[in-house]
Amino acid sequence: MARGWESKSVEDQIGAAEAEREMRARRVLSTEQREENEHQQSLLLSQALLRSRLKAARDARYRAQLKMALEQVEAQLREIKDNPAGE
C-alpha cells in the first residue's frame, strides 16, 4: 500500500516539474523585448533619482538642469508607453 502512495507522489512531482518548465518556456522573452524592458526600468530609476535630486537641490541653475533631464526621461517613458514593443 505504501508503495502505491509513494509512486503517486513521485508522479505528481514529475508532473509539477513539467508544468514549471512549460511556464518558464512561455515567459521567455526575445532579446529585443528584454532589452526594451531593461531600458524602461533604467528610465524609471533615472526618473526617481532626478526627482530625488530635484527635491534636495537649492541652486537655480542645477534645478533647471535637473528639470530638463527629468522632462527628457519622462518624454522617453511616454514614447515607450504610446508605442509598446511589437507594434
Protein backbone atom coordinates (compact mmCIF):
# COMPACT_ATOMS: atom_id res chain seq x y z
CA MET A 1 0.00 0.00 0.00
CA ALA A 2 2.79 2.42 0.87
CA ARG A 3 4.45 1.87 -2.49
CA GLY A 4 1.29 2.93 -4.27
CA TRP A 5 1.16 6.25 -2.43
CA GLU A 6 4.88 6.78 -2.95
CA SER A 7 4.70 6.24 -6.70
CA LYS A 8 1.72 8.58 -6.90
CA SER A 9 3.70 11.24 -5.07
CA VAL A 10 6.65 10.84 -7.44
CA GLU A 11 4.27 11.02 -10.39
CA ASP A 12 2.80 14.26 -9.01
CA GLN A 13 6.28 15.71 -8.53
CA ILE A 14 7.23 14.87 -12.11
CA GLY A 15 4.02 16.45 -13.38
CA ALA A 16 4.65 19.58 -11.32
CA ALA A 17 8.22 19.84 -12.64
CA GLU A 18 6.99 19.54 -16.23
CA ALA A 19 4.35 22.21 -15.64
CA GLU A 20 7.02 24.51 -14.19
CA ARG A 21 9.24 24.01 -17.26
CA GLU A 22 6.32 24.86 -19.54
CA MET A 23 5.61 28.05 -17.59
CA ARG A 24 9.25 29.14 -17.87
CA ALA A 25 9.24 28.45 -21.61
CA ARG A 26 6.20 30.73 -22.04
CA ARG A 27 7.87 33.50 -20.06
CA VAL A 28 10.97 33.58 -22.25
CA LEU A 29 11.20 36.97 -23.90
CA SER A 30 13.04 37.77 -27.06
CA THR A 31 16.34 39.60 -26.74
CA GLU A 32 14.72 42.76 -28.09
CA GLN A 33 11.84 42.60 -25.58
CA ARG A 34 14.26 42.02 -22.72
CA GLU A 35 16.41 45.00 -23.80
CA GLU A 36 13.33 47.22 -24.06
CA ASN A 37 12.20 46.17 -20.58
CA GLU A 38 15.67 46.89 -19.19
CA HIS A 39 15.70 50.29 -20.90
CA GLN A 40 12.30 51.14 -19.42
CA GLN A 41 13.45 50.08 -15.94
CA SER A 42 16.57 52.20 -16.37
CA LEU A 43 14.45 55.21 -17.30
CA LEU A 44 12.21 54.68 -14.27
CA LEU A 45 15.25 54.56 -11.99
CA SER A 46 16.63 57.71 -13.60
CA GLN A 47 13.28 59.43 -13.11
CA ALA A 48 13.25 58.54 -9.41
CA LEU A 49 16.84 59.72 -8.97
CA LEU A 50 16.20 63.01 -10.75
CA ARG A 51 13.09 63.68 -8.67
CA SER A 52 15.03 62.98 -5.51
CA ARG A 53 17.87 65.30 -6.51
CA LEU A 54 15.41 67.97 -7.59
CA LYS A 55 13.83 67.96 -4.12
CA ALA A 56 17.22 68.46 -2.49
CA ALA A 57 18.68 70.96 -4.98
CA ARG A 58 18.94 74.60 -3.94
CA ASP A 59 20.91 76.17 -6.81
CA ALA A 60 18.59 77.55 -9.50
CA ARG A 61 20.83 76.54 -12.41
CA TYR A 62 21.22 73.00 -11.12
CA ARG A 63 17.45 72.75 -10.58
CA ALA A 64 16.92 73.90 -14.18
CA GLN A 65 19.28 71.21 -15.45
CA LEU A 66 17.53 68.56 -13.38
CA LYS A 67 14.12 69.68 -14.64
CA MET A 68 15.28 69.45 -18.26
CA ALA A 69 16.73 65.99 -17.69
CA LEU A 70 13.54 64.88 -15.95
CA GLU A 71 11.42 66.17 -18.83
CA GLN A 72 13.56 64.20 -21.30
CA VAL A 73 13.29 61.00 -19.29
CA GLU A 74 9.54 61.41 -18.91
CA ALA A 75 9.21 62.05 -22.67
CA GLN A 76 11.05 58.79 -23.36
CA LEU A 77 8.78 56.94 -20.93
CA ARG A 78 5.70 58.39 -22.64
CA GLU A 79 7.07 57.28 -26.00
CA ILE A 80 7.54 53.75 -24.72
CA LYS A 81 4.03 53.76 -23.26
CA ASP A 82 2.49 55.08 -26.50
CA ASN A 83 4.47 52.67 -28.71
CA PRO A 84 4.67 49.30 -26.91
CA ALA A 85 7.10 46.69 -28.17
CA GLY A 86 5.99 44.72 -31.17
CA GLU A 87 3.77 47.43 -32.63
